[in-house]
Every structure is written in structure tokens, then in C-alpha cells.
């Protein structure tokens, strides 16, 4: 009798456990939509790789500068941003400049000396970002921690313009 009772208890615990796993998750749809937006931003940004760099450029036909690329990619998903890198660097939430806090779609800001922000790109995950490089003459994907040179601006900060479900936004090992 005790064995049957223990077995029944174990079955009930297992049923409760599987019920918890299968229980409705009211925020799962929201979390999935945030992932989908981030994935879409990454896809649109990467689709521009190879497009020529043009100072003041705002589209893939005529070419991009760094802020034109960021504005174009974000606008594709109905996220409106101002035109220049310095203006874009003031939009959204400021995020601690730490690799583990980065999420795909975050804006990475760069600059030299005390001049402030003079370059911007879009984080795409795995320590990489997409940006329009005047040095390369085209849109490229770069490692965030590439070796320094006089031509490479220092990473200054992070701005998050797509928010929500932060703790759950850990695709591709980010976060």
C-alpha cells in the first residue's frame, strides 16, 4: 500500500511538473516579438553589407554614411531616428558599455578624443556590428574589439532603441 501511494505521489508530482512547463506563458508572445524585431534589424543591417560609403548617404542605391545606414535600418522597422550620429547617440536608453549587456539591434557609438560621438553602428550579436565605414568605403561588419589604429574610433557607448524582455533577449549567446 505504501509503495502504491508513493508511486501515485510521484506520478502526481510529475504531472504537476509537466503542467508547469506547459502552463500558459502570457509574455512569451511579447518576448518572441522582441526577438523577431531584433532578428529583423540584424537581417536588414547585414543586407546592406557591401553598399558603398557616401558622406550624407541615406539609402542603398546612393550609398550610406554611418548615421544614414542606422536611420535606414531602423526606419525599415518603423523606428524613427534623427539624422546624425551625434543626435542618434542621445536617443533611447543608455546601456552600460559592457559586452554582456549588448543585444542585437543596440546602437554602438564611437568617437575620438573630446569631440563626442562621430560614428555609429548596429550591434548584430557575437561581438560584431554593422556600420558604414569611410575607411573601407562601404558598409562592413566588424569585430567590436578589433585592434586599434589611428583610423579606428574608440567605442564610446550603447543606446537601446528597441526595448522589452531584456532578460530574455539572449539569442546567439548575447546577454
N, C-alpha and C. Protein backbone atom coordinates (compact mmCIF):
# COMPACT_ATOMS: atom_id res chain seq x y z
N UNK A 1 0.82 -1.19 0.00
CA UNK A 1 0.00 0.00 0.00
C UNK A 1 0.87 1.26 0.00
N UNK A 2 1.93 1.26 0.80
CA UNK A 2 2.82 2.40 0.85
C UNK A 2 3.51 2.61 -0.50
N UNK A 3 3.89 1.51 -1.18
CA UNK A 3 4.52 1.59 -2.49
C UNK A 3 3.56 2.21 -3.50
N UNK A 4 2.30 1.78 -3.49
CA UNK A 4 1.31 2.32 -4.41
C UNK A 4 1.10 3.80 -4.15
N UNK A 5 1.08 4.17 -2.87
CA UNK A 5 0.87 5.57 -2.51
C UNK A 5 2.06 6.42 -2.97
N UNK A 6 3.29 5.93 -2.79
CA UNK A 6 4.49 6.65 -3.22
C UNK A 6 4.50 6.79 -4.73
N UNK A 7 4.10 5.72 -5.43
CA UNK A 7 4.06 5.75 -6.89
C UNK A 7 3.03 6.77 -7.38
N UNK A 8 1.88 6.78 -6.74
CA UNK A 8 0.84 7.73 -7.12
C UNK A 8 1.31 9.16 -6.85
N UNK A 9 2.02 9.36 -5.73
CA UNK A 9 2.55 10.69 -5.41
C UNK A 9 3.57 11.15 -6.43
N UNK A 10 4.44 10.22 -6.87
CA UNK A 10 5.44 10.56 -7.87
C UNK A 10 4.78 10.92 -9.20
N UNK A 11 3.72 10.16 -9.56
CA UNK A 11 3.00 10.46 -10.80
C UNK A 11 2.33 11.83 -10.72
N UNK A 12 1.77 12.15 -9.56
CA UNK A 12 1.12 13.45 -9.39
C UNK A 12 2.15 14.58 -9.48
N UNK A 13 3.33 14.38 -8.85
CA UNK A 13 4.39 15.39 -8.91
C UNK A 13 4.87 15.59 -10.34
N UNK A 14 4.98 14.46 -11.09
CA UNK A 14 5.41 14.54 -12.47
C UNK A 14 4.36 15.28 -13.30
N UNK A 15 3.08 15.01 -13.06
CA UNK A 15 2.01 15.68 -13.78
C UNK A 15 2.04 17.18 -13.48
N UNK A 16 2.26 17.54 -12.17
CA UNK A 16 2.33 18.95 -11.81
C UNK A 16 3.52 19.61 -12.50
N UNK A 17 4.66 18.91 -12.55
CA UNK A 17 5.85 19.45 -13.18
C UNK A 17 5.64 19.69 -14.67
N UNK A 18 5.04 18.72 -15.37
CA UNK A 18 4.83 18.89 -16.80
C UNK A 18 3.76 19.94 -17.05
N UNK A 19 2.80 20.05 -16.12
CA UNK A 19 1.77 21.08 -16.26
C UNK A 19 2.41 22.47 -16.16
N UNK A 20 3.39 22.62 -15.25
CA UNK A 20 4.08 23.90 -15.10
C UNK A 20 4.83 24.26 -16.38
N UNK A 21 5.43 23.28 -17.01
CA UNK A 21 6.16 23.53 -18.25
C UNK A 21 5.19 23.93 -19.36
N UNK A 22 4.02 23.27 -19.38
CA UNK A 22 3.03 23.54 -20.41
C UNK A 22 2.09 24.68 -20.05
N UNK A 23 2.26 25.27 -18.88
CA UNK A 23 1.36 26.33 -18.44
C UNK A 23 1.45 27.52 -19.39
N UNK A 24 0.37 28.25 -19.53
CA UNK A 24 0.39 29.44 -20.40
C UNK A 24 1.48 30.42 -19.95
N UNK A 25 2.15 31.00 -20.89
CA UNK A 25 3.18 31.99 -20.62
C UNK A 25 2.70 33.30 -21.25
N UNK A 26 2.08 34.15 -20.44
CA UNK A 26 1.43 35.33 -21.00
C UNK A 26 2.36 36.30 -21.72
N UNK A 27 3.65 36.31 -21.39
CA UNK A 27 4.55 37.25 -22.02
C UNK A 27 5.40 36.61 -23.12
N UNK A 28 5.20 35.33 -23.38
CA UNK A 28 6.00 34.64 -24.40
C UNK A 28 5.83 35.27 -25.77
N UNK A 29 4.61 35.64 -26.12
CA UNK A 29 4.37 36.23 -27.43
C UNK A 29 5.09 37.57 -27.56
N UNK A 30 5.05 38.37 -26.48
CA UNK A 30 5.75 39.65 -26.47
C UNK A 30 7.25 39.43 -26.60
N UNK A 31 7.78 38.49 -25.82
CA UNK A 31 9.20 38.19 -25.86
C UNK A 31 9.61 37.73 -27.25
N UNK A 32 8.80 36.87 -27.86
CA UNK A 32 9.09 36.40 -29.21
C UNK A 32 9.06 37.54 -30.21
N UNK A 33 8.15 38.51 -30.01
CA UNK A 33 8.08 39.63 -30.95
C UNK A 33 9.32 40.51 -30.82
N UNK A 34 9.84 40.68 -29.61
CA UNK A 34 11.07 41.45 -29.42
C UNK A 34 12.23 40.74 -30.11
N UNK A 35 12.30 39.41 -29.94
CA UNK A 35 13.34 38.64 -30.64
C UNK A 35 13.19 38.81 -32.14
N UNK A 36 11.96 38.76 -32.63
CA UNK A 36 11.71 38.87 -34.06
C UNK A 36 12.14 40.25 -34.58
N UNK A 37 11.85 41.31 -33.82
CA UNK A 37 12.27 42.66 -34.23
C UNK A 37 13.79 42.73 -34.26
N UNK A 38 14.44 42.22 -33.22
CA UNK A 38 15.90 42.24 -33.18
C UNK A 38 16.49 41.45 -34.35
N UNK A 39 15.93 40.26 -34.61
CA UNK A 39 16.41 39.45 -35.74
C UNK A 39 16.21 40.18 -37.06
N UNK A 40 15.09 40.87 -37.19
CA UNK A 40 14.82 41.62 -38.42
C UNK A 40 15.79 42.78 -38.59
N UNK A 41 16.09 43.49 -37.50
CA UNK A 41 17.07 44.57 -37.57
C UNK A 41 18.42 44.05 -38.04
N UNK A 42 18.84 42.93 -37.48
CA UNK A 42 20.11 42.32 -37.88
C UNK A 42 20.08 41.94 -39.36
N UNK A 43 18.99 41.34 -39.81
CA UNK A 43 18.89 40.93 -41.21
C UNK A 43 18.93 42.12 -42.16
N UNK A 44 18.21 43.19 -41.83
CA UNK A 44 18.21 44.39 -42.68
C UNK A 44 19.60 45.03 -42.68
N UNK A 45 20.24 45.11 -41.52
CA UNK A 45 21.59 45.69 -41.45
C UNK A 45 22.57 44.88 -42.28
N UNK A 46 22.55 43.56 -42.11
CA UNK A 46 23.50 42.71 -42.86
C UNK A 46 23.23 42.74 -44.36
N UNK A 47 21.99 42.96 -44.74
CA UNK A 47 21.66 43.03 -46.17
C UNK A 47 22.32 44.23 -46.84
N UNK A 48 22.75 45.22 -46.06
CA UNK A 48 23.39 46.41 -46.62
C UNK A 48 24.90 46.27 -46.76
N UNK A 49 25.46 45.18 -46.25
CA UNK A 49 26.91 44.98 -46.32
C UNK A 49 27.34 45.02 -47.79
N UNK A 50 28.38 45.79 -48.05
CA UNK A 50 28.90 45.95 -49.41
C UNK A 50 28.41 47.22 -50.09
N UNK A 51 27.35 47.84 -49.57
CA UNK A 51 26.85 49.09 -50.14
C UNK A 51 27.93 50.16 -49.97
N UNK A 52 28.12 50.99 -50.99
CA UNK A 52 29.20 51.98 -50.94
C UNK A 52 28.97 53.04 -49.87
N UNK A 53 30.07 53.56 -49.35
CA UNK A 53 30.04 54.66 -48.39
C UNK A 53 29.95 55.96 -49.17
N UNK A 54 29.00 56.81 -48.77
CA UNK A 54 28.87 58.15 -49.35
C UNK A 54 28.54 59.10 -48.21
N UNK A 55 29.35 60.13 -48.02
CA UNK A 55 29.08 61.11 -46.99
C UNK A 55 27.69 61.71 -47.22
N UNK A 56 26.84 61.65 -46.21
CA UNK A 56 25.47 62.17 -46.33
C UNK A 56 24.51 61.17 -46.94
N UNK A 57 25.01 59.97 -47.28
CA UNK A 57 24.17 58.96 -47.93
C UNK A 57 23.13 58.36 -47.00
N UNK A 58 21.94 58.11 -47.54
CA UNK A 58 20.82 57.64 -46.72
C UNK A 58 20.07 56.45 -47.29
N UNK A 59 20.57 55.85 -48.39
CA UNK A 59 19.86 54.71 -48.96
C UNK A 59 20.82 53.79 -49.70
N UNK A 60 20.38 52.56 -49.95
CA UNK A 60 21.28 51.58 -50.57
C UNK A 60 21.61 51.88 -52.04
N UNK A 61 20.79 52.66 -52.72
CA UNK A 61 21.07 52.98 -54.12
C UNK A 61 22.16 54.04 -54.21
N UNK A 62 22.03 55.11 -53.45
CA UNK A 62 23.01 56.19 -53.50
C UNK A 62 24.19 55.98 -52.58
N UNK A 63 24.05 55.09 -51.59
CA UNK A 63 25.11 54.83 -50.63
C UNK A 63 24.74 55.36 -49.25
N UNK A 64 25.53 54.97 -48.25
CA UNK A 64 25.28 55.33 -46.86
C UNK A 64 26.49 55.98 -46.22
N UNK A 65 26.23 56.88 -45.28
CA UNK A 65 27.23 57.18 -44.27
C UNK A 65 26.74 56.44 -43.02
N UNK A 66 27.48 56.53 -41.91
CA UNK A 66 27.15 55.69 -40.76
C UNK A 66 25.75 55.96 -40.21
N UNK A 67 25.41 57.23 -40.02
CA UNK A 67 24.10 57.55 -39.45
C UNK A 67 22.98 57.33 -40.45
N UNK A 68 23.27 57.50 -41.72
CA UNK A 68 22.27 57.22 -42.75
C UNK A 68 21.92 55.74 -42.78
N UNK A 69 22.93 54.88 -42.60
CA UNK A 69 22.69 53.44 -42.53
C UNK A 69 21.81 53.10 -41.32
N UNK A 70 22.16 53.63 -40.16
CA UNK A 70 21.41 53.34 -38.94
C UNK A 70 19.97 53.82 -39.08
N UNK A 71 19.78 55.03 -39.58
CA UNK A 71 18.43 55.58 -39.76
C UNK A 71 17.63 54.72 -40.74
N UNK A 72 18.26 54.30 -41.84
CA UNK A 72 17.59 53.47 -42.85
C UNK A 72 17.16 52.12 -42.27
N UNK A 73 18.06 51.45 -41.57
CA UNK A 73 17.75 50.13 -41.00
C UNK A 73 16.62 50.24 -39.98
N UNK A 74 16.71 51.21 -39.10
CA UNK A 74 15.68 51.37 -38.07
C UNK A 74 14.34 51.76 -38.69
N UNK A 75 14.35 52.61 -39.70
CA UNK A 75 13.11 53.04 -40.35
C UNK A 75 12.41 51.87 -41.04
N UNK A 76 13.20 50.87 -41.49
CA UNK A 76 12.60 49.69 -42.13
C UNK A 76 11.67 48.97 -41.16
N UNK A 77 11.90 49.14 -39.86
CA UNK A 77 11.05 48.53 -38.84
C UNK A 77 10.27 49.59 -38.06
N UNK A 78 10.08 50.74 -38.69
CA UNK A 78 9.26 51.82 -38.14
C UNK A 78 9.80 52.41 -36.83
N UNK A 79 11.12 52.40 -36.69
CA UNK A 79 11.76 53.07 -35.55
C UNK A 79 12.39 54.33 -36.13
N UNK A 80 11.83 55.48 -35.78
CA UNK A 80 12.31 56.75 -36.32
C UNK A 80 13.47 57.30 -35.49
N UNK A 81 14.52 57.72 -36.17
CA UNK A 81 15.70 58.29 -35.53
C UNK A 81 16.06 59.60 -36.20
N UNK A 82 16.77 60.47 -35.48
CA UNK A 82 17.28 61.69 -36.12
C UNK A 82 18.38 61.34 -37.13
N UNK A 83 18.90 62.34 -37.83
CA UNK A 83 19.80 62.10 -38.95
C UNK A 83 21.26 61.85 -38.59
N UNK A 84 21.84 62.57 -37.65
CA UNK A 84 23.29 62.46 -37.44
C UNK A 84 23.65 61.49 -36.32
N UNK A 85 24.90 61.02 -36.34
CA UNK A 85 25.39 60.09 -35.31
C UNK A 85 25.30 60.74 -33.93
N UNK A 86 25.66 62.00 -33.82
CA UNK A 86 25.61 62.69 -32.53
C UNK A 86 24.17 62.77 -32.01
N UNK A 87 23.22 63.05 -32.89
CA UNK A 87 21.80 63.10 -32.48
C UNK A 87 21.30 61.70 -32.12
N UNK A 88 21.65 60.70 -32.91
CA UNK A 88 21.22 59.33 -32.65
C UNK A 88 21.77 58.82 -31.33
N UNK A 89 22.95 59.31 -30.94
CA UNK A 89 23.60 58.88 -29.70
C UNK A 89 22.87 59.38 -28.45
N UNK A 90 21.86 60.21 -28.63
CA UNK A 90 21.08 60.71 -27.50
C UNK A 90 19.67 60.10 -27.44
N UNK A 91 19.36 59.20 -28.36
CA UNK A 91 18.02 58.60 -28.44
C UNK A 91 18.02 57.26 -27.71
N UNK A 92 16.88 56.90 -27.15
CA UNK A 92 16.74 55.61 -26.49
C UNK A 92 17.34 55.60 -25.10
N UNK A 93 17.53 54.41 -24.58
CA UNK A 93 18.07 54.23 -23.23
C UNK A 93 19.57 54.02 -23.29
N UNK A 94 20.27 54.67 -22.39
CA UNK A 94 21.71 54.45 -22.29
C UNK A 94 21.94 53.12 -21.58
N UNK A 95 22.80 52.29 -22.13
CA UNK A 95 23.11 50.98 -21.60
C UNK A 95 24.58 50.98 -21.19
N UNK A 96 24.88 50.30 -20.09
CA UNK A 96 26.26 50.19 -19.64
C UNK A 96 27.11 49.60 -20.77
N UNK A 97 28.27 50.19 -20.98
CA UNK A 97 29.17 49.76 -22.06
C UNK A 97 29.91 48.49 -21.63
N UNK A 98 29.19 47.39 -21.74
CA UNK A 98 29.70 46.10 -21.29
C UNK A 98 29.18 45.04 -22.26
N UNK A 99 30.06 44.20 -22.77
CA UNK A 99 29.67 43.21 -23.77
C UNK A 99 28.47 42.37 -23.36
N UNK A 100 28.42 41.97 -22.11
CA UNK A 100 27.35 41.07 -21.66
C UNK A 100 25.98 41.74 -21.66
N UNK A 101 25.93 43.06 -21.74
CA UNK A 101 24.66 43.80 -21.74
C UNK A 101 24.14 44.08 -23.14
N UNK A 102 24.97 43.84 -24.15
CA UNK A 102 24.59 44.15 -25.53
C UNK A 102 23.52 43.20 -26.05
N UNK A 103 22.61 43.74 -26.84
CA UNK A 103 21.57 42.97 -27.51
C UNK A 103 21.58 43.33 -28.98
N UNK A 104 21.32 42.36 -29.86
CA UNK A 104 21.23 42.70 -31.28
C UNK A 104 20.24 43.85 -31.50
N UNK A 105 20.65 44.79 -32.33
CA UNK A 105 19.83 45.97 -32.59
C UNK A 105 20.25 47.19 -31.77
N UNK A 106 21.10 47.00 -30.75
CA UNK A 106 21.59 48.15 -29.99
C UNK A 106 22.46 49.02 -30.89
N UNK A 107 22.46 50.31 -30.61
CA UNK A 107 23.30 51.24 -31.36
C UNK A 107 24.61 51.43 -30.60
N UNK A 108 25.72 51.27 -31.29
CA UNK A 108 27.05 51.44 -30.70
C UNK A 108 27.60 52.77 -31.18
N UNK A 109 28.07 53.59 -30.25
CA UNK A 109 28.59 54.89 -30.60
C UNK A 109 30.10 54.93 -30.44
N UNK A 110 30.75 55.73 -31.29
CA UNK A 110 32.20 55.80 -31.34
C UNK A 110 32.64 57.25 -31.48
N UNK A 111 33.85 57.54 -31.05
CA UNK A 111 34.39 58.88 -31.21
C UNK A 111 35.85 58.93 -30.84
N UNK A 112 36.49 60.04 -31.17
CA UNK A 112 37.90 60.26 -30.84
C UNK A 112 38.01 61.45 -29.92
N UNK A 113 38.90 61.34 -28.95
CA UNK A 113 39.18 62.46 -28.07
C UNK A 113 37.94 63.02 -27.40
N UNK A 114 37.90 64.35 -27.30
CA UNK A 114 36.79 65.02 -26.63
C UNK A 114 35.75 65.54 -27.61
N UNK A 115 35.82 65.09 -28.85
CA UNK A 115 34.91 65.58 -29.88
C UNK A 115 33.50 65.02 -29.76
N UNK A 116 33.30 64.04 -28.90
CA UNK A 116 31.98 63.43 -28.79
C UNK A 116 31.79 62.32 -29.80
N UNK A 117 30.56 61.97 -30.05
CA UNK A 117 30.23 60.87 -30.95
C UNK A 117 30.36 61.33 -32.40
N UNK A 118 31.12 60.56 -33.17
CA UNK A 118 31.30 60.88 -34.59
C UNK A 118 31.04 59.68 -35.50
N UNK A 119 30.68 58.54 -34.90
CA UNK A 119 30.43 57.34 -35.69
C UNK A 119 29.42 56.47 -34.93
N UNK A 120 28.62 55.71 -35.67
CA UNK A 120 27.60 54.86 -35.06
C UNK A 120 27.40 53.61 -35.90
N UNK A 121 27.06 52.51 -35.24
CA UNK A 121 26.80 51.25 -35.92
C UNK A 121 25.73 50.47 -35.18
N UNK A 122 25.36 49.32 -35.74
CA UNK A 122 24.30 48.48 -35.16
C UNK A 122 24.90 47.16 -34.72
N UNK A 123 24.73 46.85 -33.43
CA UNK A 123 25.23 45.58 -32.90
C UNK A 123 24.40 44.44 -33.48
N UNK A 124 25.08 43.38 -33.96
CA UNK A 124 24.38 42.25 -34.58
C UNK A 124 24.58 40.94 -33.84
N UNK A 125 25.28 40.97 -32.70
CA UNK A 125 25.48 39.77 -31.91
C UNK A 125 26.88 39.21 -32.05
N UNK A 126 27.25 38.35 -31.11
CA UNK A 126 28.55 37.68 -31.13
C UNK A 126 29.73 38.65 -31.20
N UNK A 127 29.59 39.82 -30.55
CA UNK A 127 30.69 40.78 -30.51
C UNK A 127 30.93 41.51 -31.82
N UNK A 128 29.92 41.56 -32.70
CA UNK A 128 30.10 42.16 -34.02
C UNK A 128 29.05 43.24 -34.26
N UNK A 129 29.40 44.17 -35.15
CA UNK A 129 28.46 45.23 -35.51
C UNK A 129 28.60 45.59 -36.98
N UNK A 130 27.53 46.13 -37.53
CA UNK A 130 27.49 46.56 -38.93
C UNK A 130 27.53 48.08 -38.93
N UNK A 131 28.37 48.65 -39.81
CA UNK A 131 28.49 50.10 -39.91
C UNK A 131 28.98 50.50 -41.29
N UNK A 132 28.72 51.74 -41.66
CA UNK A 132 29.23 52.29 -42.91
C UNK A 132 30.58 52.91 -42.61
N UNK A 133 31.62 52.33 -43.17
CA UNK A 133 32.99 52.75 -42.88
C UNK A 133 33.53 53.64 -44.00
N UNK A 134 33.93 54.86 -43.63
CA UNK A 134 34.54 55.75 -44.63
C UNK A 134 35.92 55.21 -45.03
N UNK A 135 36.60 54.53 -44.12
CA UNK A 135 37.93 53.98 -44.42
C UNK A 135 37.80 52.83 -45.41
N UNK A 136 36.86 51.91 -45.17
CA UNK A 136 36.65 50.78 -46.09
C UNK A 136 35.94 51.21 -47.37
N UNK A 137 35.21 52.32 -47.29
CA UNK A 137 34.49 52.81 -48.46
C UNK A 137 33.19 52.07 -48.72
N UNK A 138 32.71 51.34 -47.71
CA UNK A 138 31.47 50.56 -47.87
C UNK A 138 30.93 50.16 -46.51
N UNK A 139 29.75 49.57 -46.52
CA UNK A 139 29.16 49.03 -45.29
C UNK A 139 29.85 47.70 -45.00
N UNK A 140 30.30 47.54 -43.77
CA UNK A 140 31.02 46.32 -43.39
C UNK A 140 30.52 45.82 -42.03
N UNK A 141 30.88 44.58 -41.72
CA UNK A 141 30.65 44.02 -40.39
C UNK A 141 32.02 43.89 -39.74
N UNK A 142 32.13 44.39 -38.51
CA UNK A 142 33.41 44.40 -37.80
C UNK A 142 33.29 43.79 -36.42
N UNK A 143 34.43 43.34 -35.91
CA UNK A 143 34.52 42.88 -34.53
C UNK A 143 34.60 44.11 -33.62
N UNK A 144 33.80 44.11 -32.58
CA UNK A 144 33.77 45.25 -31.67
C UNK A 144 35.13 45.50 -31.02
N UNK A 145 35.90 44.46 -30.84
CA UNK A 145 37.20 44.58 -30.17
C UNK A 145 38.36 44.40 -31.14
N UNK A 146 38.19 44.85 -32.36
CA UNK A 146 39.29 44.77 -33.34
C UNK A 146 40.45 45.62 -32.85
N UNK A 147 41.61 45.30 -33.36
CA UNK A 147 42.81 46.01 -32.91
C UNK A 147 42.73 47.48 -33.29
N UNK A 148 43.27 48.29 -32.43
CA UNK A 148 43.21 49.73 -32.63
C UNK A 148 44.15 50.21 -33.71
N UNK A 149 43.80 51.35 -34.27
CA UNK A 149 44.66 52.04 -35.22
C UNK A 149 44.24 53.51 -35.16
N UNK A 150 45.07 54.40 -35.70
CA UNK A 150 44.69 55.81 -35.68
C UNK A 150 43.39 56.09 -36.44
N UNK A 151 43.01 55.19 -37.31
CA UNK A 151 41.81 55.39 -38.12
C UNK A 151 40.54 54.85 -37.45
N UNK A 152 40.70 54.06 -36.40
CA UNK A 152 39.54 53.45 -35.73
C UNK A 152 39.16 54.29 -34.51
N UNK A 153 37.92 54.68 -34.47
CA UNK A 153 37.42 55.48 -33.35
C UNK A 153 37.12 54.57 -32.16
N UNK A 154 37.28 55.11 -30.95
CA UNK A 154 37.05 54.34 -29.73
C UNK A 154 35.55 54.13 -29.49
N UNK A 155 35.22 52.95 -28.99
CA UNK A 155 33.83 52.63 -28.62
C UNK A 155 33.46 53.47 -27.42
N UNK A 156 32.43 54.29 -27.57
CA UNK A 156 32.04 55.23 -26.53
C UNK A 156 30.86 54.75 -25.69
N UNK A 157 29.83 54.22 -26.35
CA UNK A 157 28.63 53.88 -25.60
C UNK A 157 27.65 53.03 -26.36
N UNK A 158 26.52 52.79 -25.69
CA UNK A 158 25.46 51.94 -26.24
C UNK A 158 24.12 52.64 -25.99
N UNK A 159 23.28 52.65 -27.01
CA UNK A 159 21.93 53.16 -26.87
C UNK A 159 20.97 52.06 -27.31
N UNK A 160 19.93 51.85 -26.54
CA UNK A 160 18.93 50.83 -26.86
C UNK A 160 17.64 51.53 -27.28
N UNK A 161 17.26 51.33 -28.54
CA UNK A 161 16.05 51.94 -29.07
C UNK A 161 14.93 50.92 -29.23
N UNK A 162 15.27 49.64 -29.15
CA UNK A 162 14.28 48.56 -29.14
C UNK A 162 14.38 47.92 -27.78
N UNK A 163 13.33 48.09 -26.97
CA UNK A 163 13.40 47.58 -25.60
C UNK A 163 12.30 46.57 -25.35
N UNK A 164 12.38 45.95 -24.18
CA UNK A 164 11.39 44.96 -23.78
C UNK A 164 12.02 43.59 -23.65
N UNK A 165 11.58 42.87 -22.63
CA UNK A 165 12.03 41.49 -22.38
C UNK A 165 13.55 41.38 -22.34
N UNK A 166 14.19 42.34 -21.68
CA UNK A 166 15.66 42.38 -21.69
C UNK A 166 16.31 41.10 -21.18
N UNK A 167 15.81 40.56 -20.08
CA UNK A 167 16.45 39.37 -19.52
C UNK A 167 16.29 38.16 -20.42
N UNK A 168 15.32 38.19 -21.30
CA UNK A 168 15.04 37.05 -22.16
C UNK A 168 15.67 37.22 -23.54
N UNK A 169 16.31 38.32 -23.81
CA UNK A 169 16.86 38.61 -25.13
C UNK A 169 18.31 38.14 -25.20
N UNK A 170 18.50 36.83 -25.25
CA UNK A 170 19.85 36.30 -25.17
C UNK A 170 20.19 35.39 -26.35
N UNK A 171 19.64 35.65 -27.49
CA UNK A 171 19.96 34.82 -28.65
C UNK A 171 21.42 34.95 -29.01
N UNK A 172 21.94 33.94 -29.65
CA UNK A 172 23.32 33.91 -30.13
C UNK A 172 24.34 34.15 -29.02
N UNK A 173 23.96 33.80 -27.78
CA UNK A 173 24.91 33.91 -26.69
C UNK A 173 25.08 35.30 -26.14
N UNK A 174 24.33 36.27 -26.62
CA UNK A 174 24.47 37.63 -26.13
C UNK A 174 23.59 37.83 -24.92
N UNK A 175 24.18 38.17 -23.82
CA UNK A 175 23.42 38.56 -22.67
C UNK A 175 23.50 37.60 -21.57
